[in-house]
Amino acid sequence: VYIVNVLNEVLKFNSDLEFTEVVDDNTLYFNYLNTSQFMFLGNKTQTMVLNTSEGTPVGTFEAPVWARKAGDKLYFPKGNVLHEIDISRFLDE
């Protein structure tokens, strides 16, 4: 069982509901974008692109889960800079 607390920590409990650990949030990936062939999974710092038919990774790049798609690009801020990543090769034609 996993619970997110008020500090936004993910807590793990065993089957007896005994606390076992705080989960490292860098190990948690969330699906934030899908195309017909690819799935984008991200955490706080990186994105992994999986082939949806086989579930195999086809690439990774530095972009957090909160990156936003506009056209054929992902945008996200890092420090005082807005970053742009071209994802056109992963999009449907």
Protein backbone atom coordinates (compact mmCIF):
# COMPACT_ATOMS: atom_id res chain seq x y z
CA VAL A 1 0.00 0.00 0.00
CA TYR A 2 1.29 3.45 -0.90
CA ILE A 3 0.08 6.71 0.62
CA VAL A 4 1.03 10.28 -0.25
CA ASN A 5 1.23 12.43 2.89
CA VAL A 6 0.78 16.19 3.37
CA LEU A 7 4.53 16.69 2.73
CA ASN A 8 4.03 15.06 -0.70
CA GLU A 9 6.12 12.06 0.32
CA VAL A 10 5.15 8.60 -0.89
CA LEU A 11 5.01 6.20 2.07
CA LYS A 12 5.11 2.44 1.58
CA PHE A 13 3.30 0.03 3.92
CA ASN A 14 3.38 -3.77 3.97
CA SER A 15 0.33 -6.08 3.95
CA ASP A 16 -0.02 -5.65 7.75
CA LEU A 17 -0.18 -1.88 7.19
CA GLU A 18 3.17 -1.37 8.91
CA PHE A 19 5.27 1.48 7.55
CA THR A 20 8.30 0.18 5.63
CA GLU A 21 9.89 3.14 3.83
CA VAL A 22 9.66 6.54 2.20
CA VAL A 23 9.84 5.93 -1.54
CA ASP A 24 12.51 7.88 -3.42
CA ASP A 25 10.45 10.08 -5.74
CA ASN A 26 13.17 9.87 -8.42
CA THR A 27 12.11 6.23 -8.90
CA LEU A 28 8.48 7.15 -9.61
CA TYR A 29 7.51 7.73 -13.23
CA PHE A 30 4.18 9.06 -14.44
CA ASN A 31 2.63 8.69 -17.88
CA TYR A 32 2.12 12.24 -19.13
CA LEU A 33 1.86 11.90 -22.91
CA ASN A 34 0.74 9.19 -25.34
CA THR A 35 0.80 8.84 -29.10
CA SER A 36 -0.31 5.84 -31.13
CA GLN A 37 3.19 4.34 -30.94
CA PHE A 38 4.88 5.90 -27.90
CA MET A 39 4.34 6.56 -24.21
CA PHE A 40 6.19 9.34 -22.35
CA LEU A 41 6.98 8.53 -18.72
CA GLY A 42 8.54 11.23 -16.58
CA ASN A 43 9.81 11.92 -13.09
CA LYS A 44 11.22 15.10 -11.53
CA THR A 45 14.18 15.29 -13.91
CA GLN A 46 13.89 12.99 -16.91
CA THR A 47 11.56 11.46 -19.47
CA MET A 48 11.70 7.93 -20.82
CA VAL A 49 9.95 7.17 -24.13
CA LEU A 50 8.58 3.64 -24.52
CA ASN A 51 7.34 1.82 -27.60
CA THR A 52 3.74 1.06 -26.61
CA SER A 53 3.44 -2.19 -28.56
CA GLU A 54 6.48 -3.80 -26.90
CA GLY A 55 6.90 -1.70 -23.77
CA THR A 56 10.58 -1.23 -24.59
CA PRO A 57 12.47 2.04 -24.04
CA VAL A 58 13.44 3.86 -27.23
CA GLY A 59 15.00 6.94 -25.64
CA THR A 60 15.49 9.13 -22.61
CA PHE A 61 16.09 12.83 -22.26
CA GLU A 62 16.23 15.50 -19.60
CA ALA A 63 12.68 16.78 -19.26
CA PRO A 64 10.50 16.55 -16.14
CA VAL A 65 7.00 15.12 -15.94
CA TRP A 66 5.57 18.65 -15.92
CA ALA A 67 6.97 19.41 -19.40
CA ARG A 68 4.17 20.64 -21.65
CA LYS A 69 3.61 19.81 -25.30
CA ALA A 70 2.97 22.59 -27.79
CA GLY A 71 2.94 21.49 -31.42
CA ASP A 72 5.81 19.06 -31.91
CA LYS A 73 7.88 20.27 -28.96
CA LEU A 74 8.05 19.87 -25.18
CA TYR A 75 8.69 22.95 -23.05
CA PHE A 76 9.80 23.18 -19.44
CA PRO A 77 11.54 25.74 -17.23
CA LYS A 78 14.86 24.99 -15.55
CA GLY A 79 16.30 27.78 -13.49
CA ASN A 80 15.70 30.99 -15.43
CA VAL A 81 15.72 29.26 -18.82
CA LEU A 82 12.83 27.83 -20.82
CA HIS A 83 13.95 24.60 -22.50
CA GLU A 84 12.55 23.20 -25.73
CA ILE A 85 12.83 19.60 -26.98
CA ASP A 86 11.75 18.55 -30.45
CA ILE A 87 9.66 15.35 -30.17
CA SER A 88 8.40 15.30 -33.77
CA ARG A 89 9.88 11.86 -34.49
CA PHE A 90 7.62 10.38 -31.76
CA LEU A 91 4.40 12.02 -32.93
CA ASP A 92 1.76 10.63 -35.26
CA GLU A 93 2.07 11.78 -38.85
